[in-house]
């Protein structure tokens, strides 16, 4: 499957990424700072993007079989960021006609 992952650099996101790659999926990780991921794999493509930007979300998810969300707010970001990200992500998925969204929350 072609997967798009938002939140690949976080604790949960790295585990989701590792598992998806181990299962043979093609993964596109969308990150604000792609240079920070530090994972290389032939089935991994890392792109710069911002989940809060509707046009970037739409462009990133086109042709995906599923989108994975493992985004959390950090101490430096207000909790409202999660709400804003959800709005942009859902609108982007609708525009790109993507029907599968998997949300992996942290505790």
PDB file of N, CA and C in Angstrom:
ATOM      1  N   UNK A   1       0.830  -1.190   0.000  1.00  0.00           N
ATOM      2  CA  UNK A   1       0.000   0.000   0.000  1.00  0.00           C
ATOM      3  C   UNK A   1       0.867   1.244   0.000  1.00  0.00           C
ATOM      4  N   UNK A   2       0.335   2.300  -0.557  1.00  0.00           N
ATOM      5  CA  UNK A   2       0.981   3.611  -0.498  1.00  0.00           C
ATOM      6  C   UNK A   2       0.390   4.368   0.690  1.00  0.00           C
ATOM      7  N   UNK A   3       1.247   4.627   1.670  1.00  0.00           N
ATOM      8  CA  UNK A   3       0.810   5.299   2.883  1.00  0.00           C
ATOM      9  C   UNK A   3       1.450   6.666   2.992  1.00  0.00           C
ATOM     10  N   UNK A   4       0.712   7.614   3.537  1.00  0.00           N
ATOM     11  CA  UNK A   4       1.251   8.922   3.875  1.00  0.00           C
ATOM     12  C   UNK A   4       1.159   9.048   5.388  1.00  0.00           C
ATOM     13  N   UNK A   5       2.277   9.387   6.016  1.00  0.00           N
ATOM     14  CA  UNK A   5       2.347   9.478   7.475  1.00  0.00           C
ATOM     15  C   UNK A   5       2.676  10.892   7.904  1.00  0.00           C
ATOM     16  N   UNK A   6       1.816  11.456   8.727  1.00  0.00           N
ATOM     17  CA  UNK A   6       2.072  12.738   9.377  1.00  0.00           C
ATOM     18  C   UNK A   6       2.458  12.434  10.820  1.00  0.00           C
ATOM     19  N   UNK A   7       3.578  12.991  11.272  1.00  0.00           N
ATOM     20  CA  UNK A   7       4.036  12.759  12.635  1.00  0.00           C
ATOM     21  C   UNK A   7       5.103  11.686  12.748  1.00  0.00           C
ATOM     22  N   UNK A   8       5.846  11.457  11.693  1.00  0.00           N
ATOM     23  CA  UNK A   8       6.832  10.372  11.659  1.00  0.00           C
ATOM     24  C   UNK A   8       8.000  10.569  12.619  1.00  0.00           C
ATOM     25  N   UNK A   9       8.252  11.786  13.053  1.00  0.00           N
ATOM     26  CA  UNK A   9       9.420  12.019  13.907  1.00  0.00           C
ATOM     27  C   UNK A   9       9.125  11.845  15.391  1.00  0.00           C
ATOM     28  N   UNK A  10       7.871  11.699  15.756  1.00  0.00           N
ATOM     29  CA  UNK A  10       7.508  11.530  17.157  1.00  0.00           C
ATOM     30  C   UNK A  10       7.709  10.098  17.629  1.00  0.00           C
ATOM     31  N   UNK A  11       7.531   9.891  18.921  1.00  0.00           N
ATOM     32  CA  UNK A  11       7.731   8.565  19.507  1.00  0.00           C
ATOM     33  C   UNK A  11       6.787   7.535  18.893  1.00  0.00           C
ATOM     34  N   UNK A  12       5.523   7.862  18.781  1.00  0.00           N
ATOM     35  CA  UNK A  12       4.545   6.942  18.186  1.00  0.00           C
ATOM     36  C   UNK A  12       4.772   6.850  16.676  1.00  0.00           C
ATOM     37  N   UNK A  13       4.985   7.998  16.038  1.00  0.00           N
ATOM     38  CA  UNK A  13       5.161   8.034  14.586  1.00  0.00           C
ATOM     39  C   UNK A  13       6.330   7.191  14.103  1.00  0.00           C
ATOM     40  N   UNK A  14       7.440   7.212  14.833  1.00  0.00           N
ATOM     41  CA  UNK A  14       8.593   6.392  14.436  1.00  0.00           C
ATOM     42  C   UNK A  14       8.262   4.909  14.509  1.00  0.00           C
ATOM     43  N   UNK A  15       7.478   4.515  15.486  1.00  0.00           N
ATOM     44  CA  UNK A  15       7.088   3.100  15.602  1.00  0.00           C
ATOM     45  C   UNK A  15       6.143   2.706  14.480  1.00  0.00           C
ATOM     46  N   UNK A  16       5.215   3.599  14.163  1.00  0.00           N
ATOM     47  CA  UNK A  16       4.284   3.334  13.059  1.00  0.00           C
ATOM     48  C   UNK A  16       5.068   3.226  11.752  1.00  0.00           C
ATOM     49  N   UNK A  17       6.004   4.147  11.545  1.00  0.00           N
ATOM     50  CA  UNK A  17       6.827   4.149  10.340  1.00  0.00           C
ATOM     51  C   UNK A  17       7.628   2.856  10.217  1.00  0.00           C
ATOM     52  N   UNK A  18       8.294   2.462  11.278  1.00  0.00           N
ATOM     53  CA  UNK A  18       9.105   1.244  11.280  1.00  0.00           C
ATOM     54  C   UNK A  18       8.252   0.020  10.957  1.00  0.00           C
ATOM     55  N   UNK A  19       7.074  -0.054  11.546  1.00  0.00           N
ATOM     56  CA  UNK A  19       6.186  -1.201  11.312  1.00  0.00           C
ATOM     57  C   UNK A  19       5.681  -1.219   9.869  1.00  0.00           C
ATOM     58  N   UNK A  20       5.289  -0.058   9.352  1.00  0.00           N
ATOM     59  CA  UNK A  20       4.797   0.008   7.967  1.00  0.00           C
ATOM     60  C   UNK A  20       5.882  -0.413   6.983  1.00  0.00           C
ATOM     61  N   UNK A  21       7.096   0.036   7.194  1.00  0.00           N
ATOM     62  CA  UNK A  21       8.198  -0.333   6.301  1.00  0.00           C
ATOM     63  C   UNK A  21       8.514  -1.824   6.423  1.00  0.00           C
ATOM     64  N   UNK A  22       8.475  -2.353   7.638  1.00  0.00           N
ATOM     65  CA  UNK A  22       8.746  -3.772   7.853  1.00  0.00           C
ATOM     66  C   UNK A  22       7.714  -4.650   7.146  1.00  0.00           C
ATOM     67  N   UNK A  23       6.510  -4.125   6.981  1.00  0.00           N
ATOM     68  CA  UNK A  23       5.444  -4.875   6.307  1.00  0.00           C
ATOM     69  C   UNK A  23       5.447  -4.663   4.795  1.00  0.00           C
ATOM     70  N   UNK A  24       6.420  -3.894   4.298  1.00  0.00           N
ATOM     71  CA  UNK A  24       6.579  -3.735   2.858  1.00  0.00           C
ATOM     72  C   UNK A  24       5.771  -2.620   2.217  1.00  0.00           C
ATOM     73  N   UNK A  25       5.222  -1.730   3.012  1.00  0.00           N
ATOM     74  CA  UNK A  25       4.455  -0.616   2.461  1.00  0.00           C
ATOM     75  C   UNK A  25       5.383   0.489   1.961  1.00  0.00           C
ATOM     76  N   UNK A  26       4.912   1.237   0.970  1.00  0.00           N
ATOM     77  CA  UNK A  26       5.591   2.454   0.541  1.00  0.00           C
ATOM     78  C   UNK A  26       5.084   3.568   1.440  1.00  0.00           C
ATOM     79  N   UNK A  27       6.002   4.282   2.075  1.00  0.00           N
ATOM     80  CA  UNK A  27       5.598   5.314   3.021  1.00  0.00           C
ATOM     81  C   UNK A  27       6.178   6.661   2.599  1.00  0.00           C
ATOM     82  N   UNK A  28       5.293   7.661   2.577  1.00  0.00           N
ATOM     83  CA  UNK A  28       5.719   9.046   2.389  1.00  0.00           C
ATOM     84  C   UNK A  28       5.501   9.745   3.731  1.00  0.00           C
ATOM     85  N   UNK A  29       6.596  10.175   4.350  1.00  0.00           N
ATOM     86  CA  UNK A  29       6.527  10.878   5.626  1.00  0.00           C
ATOM     87  C   UNK A  29       6.542  12.375   5.355  1.00  0.00           C
ATOM     88  N   UNK A  30       5.537  13.067   5.843  1.00  0.00           N
ATOM     89  CA  UNK A  30       5.431  14.514   5.659  1.00  0.00           C
ATOM     90  C   UNK A  30       5.822  15.176   6.974  1.00  0.00           C
ATOM     91  N   UNK A  31       6.844  16.044   6.889  1.00  0.00           N
ATOM     92  CA  UNK A  31       7.398  16.646   8.103  1.00  0.00           C
ATOM     93  C   UNK A  31       7.775  18.099   7.874  1.00  0.00           C
ATOM     94  N   UNK A  32       7.685  18.893   8.926  1.00  0.00           N
ATOM     95  CA  UNK A  32       8.163  20.277   8.837  1.00  0.00           C
ATOM     96  C   UNK A  32       9.678  20.323   8.724  1.00  0.00           C
ATOM     97  N   UNK A  33      10.335  19.360   9.366  1.00  0.00           N
ATOM     98  CA  UNK A  33      11.803  19.312   9.370  1.00  0.00           C
ATOM     99  C   UNK A  33      12.260  17.907   8.966  1.00  0.00           C
ATOM    100  N   UNK A  34      12.225  17.591   7.661  1.00  0.00           N
ATOM    101  CA  UNK A  34      12.559  16.235   7.217  1.00  0.00           C
ATOM    102  C   UNK A  34      13.981  15.800   7.551  1.00  0.00           C
ATOM    103  N   UNK A  35      14.883  16.734   7.708  1.00  0.00           N
ATOM    104  CA  UNK A  35      16.270  16.396   8.019  1.00  0.00           C
ATOM    105  C   UNK A  35      16.397  15.771   9.415  1.00  0.00           C
ATOM    106  N   UNK A  36      15.377  15.884  10.239  1.00  0.00           N
ATOM    107  CA  UNK A  36      15.445  15.372  11.608  1.00  0.00           C
ATOM    108  C   UNK A  36      15.016  13.912  11.741  1.00  0.00           C
ATOM    109  N   UNK A  37      14.511  13.313  10.684  1.00  0.00           N
ATOM    110  CA  UNK A  37      13.985  11.947  10.816  1.00  0.00           C
ATOM    111  C   UNK A  37      15.092  10.932  11.074  1.00  0.00           C
ATOM    112  N   UNK A  38      16.142  10.956  10.276  1.00  0.00           N
ATOM    113  CA  UNK A  38      17.268  10.054  10.502  1.00  0.00           C
ATOM    114  C   UNK A  38      17.011   8.599  10.169  1.00  0.00           C
ATOM    115  N   UNK A  39      15.989   8.299   9.394  1.00  0.00           N
ATOM    116  CA  UNK A  39      15.703   6.928   8.981  1.00  0.00           C
ATOM    117  C   UNK A  39      15.791   6.865   7.463  1.00  0.00           C
ATOM    118  N   UNK A  40      16.503   5.884   6.961  1.00  0.00           N
ATOM    119  CA  UNK A  40      16.624   5.670   5.518  1.00  0.00           C
ATOM    120  C   UNK A  40      16.063   4.300   5.188  1.00  0.00           C
ATOM    121  N   UNK A  41      15.357   4.209   4.070  1.00  0.00           N
ATOM    122  CA  UNK A  41      14.790   2.933   3.627  1.00  0.00           C
ATOM    123  C   UNK A  41      14.389   3.100   2.171  1.00  0.00           C
ATOM    124  N   UNK A  42      14.569   2.069   1.351  1.00  0.00           N
ATOM    125  CA  UNK A  42      14.219   2.187  -0.068  1.00  0.00           C
ATOM    126  C   UNK A  42      12.733   2.471  -0.317  1.00  0.00           C
ATOM    127  N   UNK A  43      11.865   2.100   0.616  1.00  0.00           N
ATOM    128  CA  UNK A  43      10.422   2.336   0.446  1.00  0.00           C
ATOM    129  C   UNK A  43       9.939   3.588   1.166  1.00  0.00           C
ATOM    130  N   UNK A  44      10.884   4.402   1.639  1.00  0.00           N
ATOM    131  CA  UNK A  44      10.534   5.615   2.378  1.00  0.00           C
ATOM    132  C   UNK A  44      10.890   6.859   1.578  1.00  0.00           C
ATOM    133  N   UNK A  45       9.927   7.751   1.471  1.00  0.00           N
ATOM    134  CA  UNK A  45      10.144   9.055   0.862  1.00  0.00           C
ATOM    135  C   UNK A  45       9.778  10.091   1.913  1.00  0.00           C
ATOM    136  N   UNK A  46      10.688  11.015   2.186  1.00  0.00           N
ATOM    137  CA  UNK A  46      10.455  12.039   3.195  1.00  0.00           C
ATOM    138  C   UNK A  46      10.328  13.382   2.493  1.00  0.00           C
ATOM    139  N   UNK A  47       9.235  14.083   2.790  1.00  0.00           N
ATOM    140  CA  UNK A  47       8.982  15.381   2.153  1.00  0.00           C
ATOM    141  C   UNK A  47       8.689  16.441   3.203  1.00  0.00           C
ATOM    142  N   UNK A  48       9.072  17.644   2.870  1.00  0.00           N
ATOM    143  CA  UNK A  48       8.779  18.784   3.732  1.00  0.00           C
ATOM    144  C   UNK A  48       7.315  19.171   3.537  1.00  0.00           C
ATOM    145  N   UNK A  49       6.635  19.404   4.629  1.00  0.00           N
ATOM    146  CA  UNK A  49       5.239  19.810   4.559  1.00  0.00           C
ATOM    147  C   UNK A  49       4.724  20.168   5.937  1.00  0.00           C
ATOM    148  N   UNK A  50       3.575  20.815   5.961  1.00  0.00           N
ATOM    149  CA  UNK A  50       2.983  21.266   7.209  1.00  0.00           C
ATOM    150  C   UNK A  50       1.525  20.834   7.247  1.00  0.00           C
ATOM    151  N   UNK A  51       1.166  20.061   8.223  1.00  0.00           N
ATOM    152  CA  UNK A  51      -0.191  19.540   8.329  1.00  0.00           C
ATOM    153  C   UNK A  51      -1.220  20.652   8.552  1.00  0.00           C
ATOM    154  N   UNK A  52      -0.786  21.822   8.946  1.00  0.00           N
ATOM    155  CA  UNK A  52      -1.713  22.934   9.152  1.00  0.00           C
ATOM    156  C   UNK A  52      -2.054  23.658   7.858  1.00  0.00           C
ATOM    157  N   UNK A  53      -1.384  23.310   6.775  1.00  0.00           N
ATOM    158  CA  UNK A  53      -1.586  23.969   5.479  1.00  0.00           C
ATOM    159  C   UNK A  53      -2.415  23.057   4.577  1.00  0.00           C
ATOM    160  N   UNK A  54      -3.655  23.445   4.322  1.00  0.00           N
ATOM    161  CA  UNK A  54      -4.585  22.630   3.552  1.00  0.00           C
ATOM    162  C   UNK A  54      -4.033  22.249   2.183  1.00  0.00           C
ATOM    163  N   UNK A  55      -3.441  23.194   1.461  1.00  0.00           N
ATOM    164  CA  UNK A  55      -2.930  22.887   0.122  1.00  0.00           C
ATOM    165  C   UNK A  55      -1.779  21.889   0.184  1.00  0.00           C
ATOM    166  N   UNK A  56      -0.927  21.992   1.197  1.00  0.00           N
ATOM    167  CA  UNK A  56       0.177  21.044   1.345  1.00  0.00           C
ATOM    168  C   UNK A  56      -0.341  19.649   1.695  1.00  0.00           C
ATOM    169  N   UNK A  57      -1.350  19.591   2.537  1.00  0.00           N
ATOM    170  CA  UNK A  57      -1.941  18.299   2.896  1.00  0.00           C
ATOM    171  C   UNK A  57      -2.537  17.640   1.659  1.00  0.00           C
ATOM    172  N   UNK A  58      -3.334  18.404   0.915  1.00  0.00           N
ATOM    173  CA  UNK A  58      -3.994  17.858  -0.273  1.00  0.00           C
ATOM    174  C   UNK A  58      -2.966  17.328  -1.265  1.00  0.00           C
ATOM    175  N   UNK A  59      -1.938  18.104  -1.515  1.00  0.00           N
ATOM    176  CA  UNK A  59      -0.888  17.706  -2.459  1.00  0.00           C
ATOM    177  C   UNK A  59      -0.149  16.453  -1.967  1.00  0.00           C
ATOM    178  N   UNK A  60       0.082  16.360  -0.676  1.00  0.00           N
ATOM    179  CA  UNK A  60       0.848  15.242  -0.117  1.00  0.00           C
ATOM    180  C   UNK A  60       0.096  13.919  -0.178  1.00  0.00           C
ATOM    181  N   UNK A  61      -1.220  13.965  -0.053  1.00  0.00           N
ATOM    182  CA  UNK A  61      -1.973  12.717   0.064  1.00  0.00           C
ATOM    183  C   UNK A  61      -2.535  12.188  -1.247  1.00  0.00           C
ATOM    184  N   UNK A  62      -2.404  12.955  -2.318  1.00  0.00           N
ATOM    185  CA  UNK A  62      -2.930  12.488  -3.606  1.00  0.00           C
ATOM    186  C   UNK A  62      -2.302  11.138  -3.940  1.00  0.00           C
ATOM    187  N   UNK A  63      -3.111  10.205  -4.389  1.00  0.00           N
ATOM    188  CA  UNK A  63      -2.703   8.848  -4.782  1.00  0.00           C
ATOM    189  C   UNK A  63      -2.350   7.933  -3.617  1.00  0.00           C
ATOM    190  N   UNK A  64      -2.602   8.360  -2.386  1.00  0.00           N
ATOM    191  CA  UNK A  64      -2.341   7.473  -1.243  1.00  0.00           C
ATOM    192  C   UNK A  64      -3.476   6.465  -1.103  1.00  0.00           C
ATOM    193  N   UNK A  65      -3.131   5.282  -0.639  1.00  0.00           N
ATOM    194  CA  UNK A  65      -4.152   4.298  -0.309  1.00  0.00           C
ATOM    195  C   UNK A  65      -4.731   4.561   1.081  1.00  0.00           C
ATOM    196  N   UNK A  66      -3.900   5.109   1.951  1.00  0.00           N
ATOM    197  CA  UNK A  66      -4.342   5.442   3.306  1.00  0.00           C
ATOM    198  C   UNK A  66      -3.423   6.518   3.872  1.00  0.00           C
ATOM    199  N   UNK A  67      -3.962   7.275   4.823  1.00  0.00           N
ATOM    200  CA  UNK A  67      -3.201   8.312   5.514  1.00  0.00           C
ATOM    201  C   UNK A  67      -3.165   7.952   6.988  1.00  0.00           C
ATOM    202  N   UNK A  68      -1.979   8.065   7.562  1.00  0.00           N
ATOM    203  CA  UNK A  68      -1.776   7.772   8.980  1.00  0.00           C
ATOM    204  C   UNK A  68      -1.464   9.068   9.712  1.00  0.00           C
ATOM    205  N   UNK A  69      -2.115   9.261  10.840  1.00  0.00           N
ATOM    206  CA  UNK A  69      -1.899  10.469  11.635  1.00  0.00           C
ATOM    207  C   UNK A  69      -1.365  10.072  12.999  1.00  0.00           C
ATOM    208  N   UNK A  70      -0.134  10.499  13.287  1.00  0.00           N
ATOM    209  CA  UNK A  70       0.487  10.240  14.582  1.00  0.00           C
ATOM    210  C   UNK A  70       1.045  11.553  15.131  1.00  0.00           C
ATOM    211  N   UNK A  71       0.276  12.613  14.966  1.00  0.00           N
ATOM    212  CA  UNK A  71       0.715  13.954  15.361  1.00  0.00           C
ATOM    213  C   UNK A  71       0.218  14.258  16.768  1.00  0.00           C
ATOM    214  N   UNK A  72       1.088  14.830  17.563  1.00  0.00           N
ATOM    215  CA  UNK A  72       0.721  15.295  18.896  1.00  0.00           C
ATOM    216  C   UNK A  72       1.266  16.694  19.086  1.00  0.00           C
ATOM    217  N   UNK A  73       0.753  17.390  20.081  1.00  0.00           N
ATOM    218  CA  UNK A  73       1.280  18.727  20.336  1.00  0.00           C
ATOM    219  C   UNK A  73       2.461  18.609  21.299  1.00  0.00           C
ATOM    220  N   UNK A  74       3.423  19.447  21.081  1.00  0.00           N
ATOM    221  CA  UNK A  74       4.589  19.485  21.966  1.00  0.00           C
ATOM    222  C   UNK A  74       4.393  20.610  22.967  1.00  0.00           C
ATOM    223  N   UNK A  75       5.268  20.673  23.950  1.00  0.00           N
ATOM    224  CA  UNK A  75       5.157  21.717  24.978  1.00  0.00           C
ATOM    225  C   UNK A  75       5.236  23.117  24.386  1.00  0.00           C
ATOM    226  N   UNK A  76       5.881  23.248  23.238  1.00  0.00           N
ATOM    227  CA  UNK A  76       6.052  24.561  22.621  1.00  0.00           C
ATOM    228  C   UNK A  76       4.851  24.969  21.770  1.00  0.00           C
ATOM    229  N   UNK A  77       3.896  24.062  21.589  1.00  0.00           N
ATOM    230  CA  UNK A  77       2.739  24.343  20.746  1.00  0.00           C
ATOM    231  C   UNK A  77       1.462  24.312  21.583  1.00  0.00           C
ATOM    232  N   UNK A  78       0.521  25.175  21.259  1.00  0.00           N
ATOM    233  CA  UNK A  78      -0.745  25.148  21.998  1.00  0.00           C
ATOM    234  C   UNK A  78      -1.556  23.908  21.624  1.00  0.00           C
ATOM    235  N   UNK A  79      -2.363  23.389  22.544  1.00  0.00           N
ATOM    236  CA  UNK A  79      -3.198  22.226  22.239  1.00  0.00           C
ATOM    237  C   UNK A  79      -4.132  22.460  21.041  1.00  0.00           C
ATOM    238  N   UNK A  80      -4.462  23.705  20.764  1.00  0.00           N
ATOM    239  CA  UNK A  80      -5.322  24.043  19.627  1.00  0.00           C
ATOM    240  C   UNK A  80      -4.710  23.569  18.310  1.00  0.00           C
ATOM    241  N   UNK A  81      -3.389  23.356  18.283  1.00  0.00           N
ATOM    242  CA  UNK A  81      -2.721  22.895  17.075  1.00  0.00           C
ATOM    243  C   UNK A  81      -3.306  21.575  16.595  1.00  0.00           C
ATOM    244  N   UNK A  82      -3.672  20.692  17.518  1.00  0.00           N
ATOM    245  CA  UNK A  82      -4.245  19.395  17.145  1.00  0.00           C
ATOM    246  C   UNK A  82      -5.588  19.597  16.445  1.00  0.00           C
ATOM    247  N   UNK A  83      -6.390  20.498  16.957  1.00  0.00           N
ATOM    248  CA  UNK A  83      -7.693  20.798  16.348  1.00  0.00           C
ATOM    249  C   UNK A  83      -7.497  21.388  14.953  1.00  0.00           C
ATOM    250  N   UNK A  84      -6.593  22.337  14.836  1.00  0.00           N
ATOM    251  CA  UNK A  84      -6.324  22.963  13.538  1.00  0.00           C
ATOM    252  C   UNK A  84      -5.785  21.944  12.534  1.00  0.00           C
ATOM    253  N   UNK A  85      -4.921  21.061  12.999  1.00  0.00           N
ATOM    254  CA  UNK A  85      -4.369  20.021  12.125  1.00  0.00           C
ATOM    255  C   UNK A  85      -5.475  19.075  11.654  1.00  0.00           C
ATOM    256  N   UNK A  86      -6.377  18.724  12.543  1.00  0.00           N
ATOM    257  CA  UNK A  86      -7.474  17.822  12.168  1.00  0.00           C
ATOM    258  C   UNK A  86      -8.354  18.456  11.092  1.00  0.00           C
ATOM    259  N   UNK A  87      -8.639  19.739  11.232  1.00  0.00           N
ATOM    260  CA  UNK A  87      -9.466  20.427  10.229  1.00  0.00           C
ATOM    261  C   UNK A  87      -8.783  20.431   8.862  1.00  0.00           C
ATOM    262  N   UNK A  88      -7.504  20.777   8.826  1.00  0.00           N
ATOM    263  CA  UNK A  88      -6.774  20.819   7.550  1.00  0.00           C
ATOM    264  C   UNK A  88      -6.643  19.423   6.959  1.00  0.00           C
ATOM    265  N   UNK A  89      -6.374  18.444   7.803  1.00  0.00           N
ATOM    266  CA  UNK A  89      -6.208  17.074   7.316  1.00  0.00           C
ATOM    267  C   UNK A  89      -7.508  16.539   6.720  1.00  0.00           C
ATOM    268  N   UNK A  90      -8.598  16.693   7.424  1.00  0.00           N
ATOM    269  CA  UNK A  90      -9.876  16.178   6.920  1.00  0.00           C
ATOM    270  C   UNK A  90     -10.274  16.873   5.628  1.00  0.00           C
ATOM    271  N   UNK A  91     -10.115  18.181   5.570  1.00  0.00           N
ATOM    272  CA  UNK A  91     -10.439  18.908   4.340  1.00  0.00           C
ATOM    273  C   UNK A  91      -9.534  18.466   3.192  1.00  0.00           C
ATOM    274  N   UNK A  92      -8.254  18.259   3.469  1.00  0.00           N
ATOM    275  CA  UNK A  92      -7.318  17.809   2.435  1.00  0.00           C
ATOM    276  C   UNK A  92      -7.648  16.420   1.920  1.00  0.00           C
ATOM    277  N   UNK A  93      -8.064  15.534   2.820  1.00  0.00           N
ATOM    278  CA  UNK A  93      -8.442  14.185   2.410  1.00  0.00           C
ATOM    279  C   UNK A  93      -9.696  14.215   1.542  1.00  0.00           C
ATOM    280  N   UNK A  94     -10.639  15.059   1.893  1.00  0.00           N
ATOM    281  CA  UNK A  94     -11.853  15.191   1.089  1.00  0.00           C
ATOM    282  C   UNK A  94     -11.507  15.701  -0.306  1.00  0.00           C
ATOM    283  N   UNK A  95     -10.666  16.737  -0.380  1.00  0.00           N
ATOM    284  CA  UNK A  95     -10.281  17.287  -1.686  1.00  0.00           C
ATOM    285  C   UNK A  95      -9.548  16.261  -2.541  1.00  0.00           C
ATOM    286  N   UNK A  96      -8.714  15.450  -1.913  1.00  0.00           N
ATOM    287  CA  UNK A  96      -7.924  14.455  -2.653  1.00  0.00           C
ATOM    288  C   UNK A  96      -8.681  13.137  -2.839  1.00  0.00           C
ATOM    289  N   UNK A  97      -9.889  13.063  -2.293  1.00  0.00           N
ATOM    290  CA  UNK A  97     -10.733  11.867  -2.403  1.00  0.00           C
ATOM    291  C   UNK A  97     -10.081  10.628  -1.771  1.00  0.00           C
ATOM    292  N   UNK A  98      -9.468  10.832  -0.616  1.00  0.00           N
ATOM    293  CA  UNK A  98      -8.863   9.740   0.142  1.00  0.00           C
ATOM    294  C   UNK A  98      -9.882   9.289   1.187  1.00  0.00           C
ATOM    295  N   UNK A  99     -10.122   7.994   1.238  1.00  0.00           N
ATOM    296  CA  UNK A  99     -11.178   7.475   2.103  1.00  0.00           C
ATOM    297  C   UNK A  99     -10.672   6.772   3.361  1.00  0.00           C
ATOM    298  N   UNK A 100      -9.374   6.566   3.478  1.00  0.00           N
ATOM    299  CA  UNK A 100      -8.852   5.847   4.644  1.00  0.00           C
ATOM    300  C   UNK A 100      -7.940   6.758   5.469  1.00  0.00           C
ATOM    301  N   UNK A 101      -8.344   6.964   6.720  1.00  0.00           N
ATOM    302  CA  UNK A 101      -7.544   7.724   7.664  1.00  0.00           C
ATOM    303  C   UNK A 101      -7.408   6.880   8.932  1.00  0.00           C
ATOM    304  N   UNK A 102      -6.174   6.668   9.348  1.00  0.00           N
ATOM    305  CA  UNK A 102      -5.906   5.925  10.586  1.00  0.00           C
ATOM    306  C   UNK A 102      -5.247   6.890  11.544  1.00  0.00           C
ATOM    307  N   UNK A 103      -5.856   7.072  12.701  1.00  0.00           N
ATOM    308  CA  UNK A 103      -5.336   7.989  13.726  1.00  0.00           C
ATOM    309  C   UNK A 103      -4.732   7.147  14.827  1.00  0.00           C
ATOM    310  N   UNK A 104      -3.470   7.426  15.145  1.00  0.00           N
ATOM    311  CA  UNK A 104      -2.742   6.690  16.178  1.00  0.00           C
ATOM    312  C   UNK A 104      -2.408   7.687  17.289  1.00  0.00           C
ATOM    313  N   UNK A 105      -3.272   7.747  18.314  1.00  0.00           N
ATOM    314  CA  UNK A 105      -3.030   8.735  19.366  1.00  0.00           C
ATOM    315  C   UNK A 105      -1.969   8.265  20.348  1.00  0.00           C
ATOM    316  N   UNK A 106      -1.328   9.203  20.987  1.00  0.00           N
ATOM    317  CA  UNK A 106      -0.404   8.901  22.064  1.00  0.00           C
ATOM    318  C   UNK A 106      -1.129   9.062  23.393  1.00  0.00           C
ATOM    319  N   UNK A 107      -0.522   8.585  24.437  1.00  0.00           N
ATOM    320  CA  UNK A 107      -1.175   8.699  25.741  1.00  0.00           C
ATOM    321  C   UNK A 107      -0.379   9.638  26.620  1.00  0.00           C
TER     322      UNK A 107
END
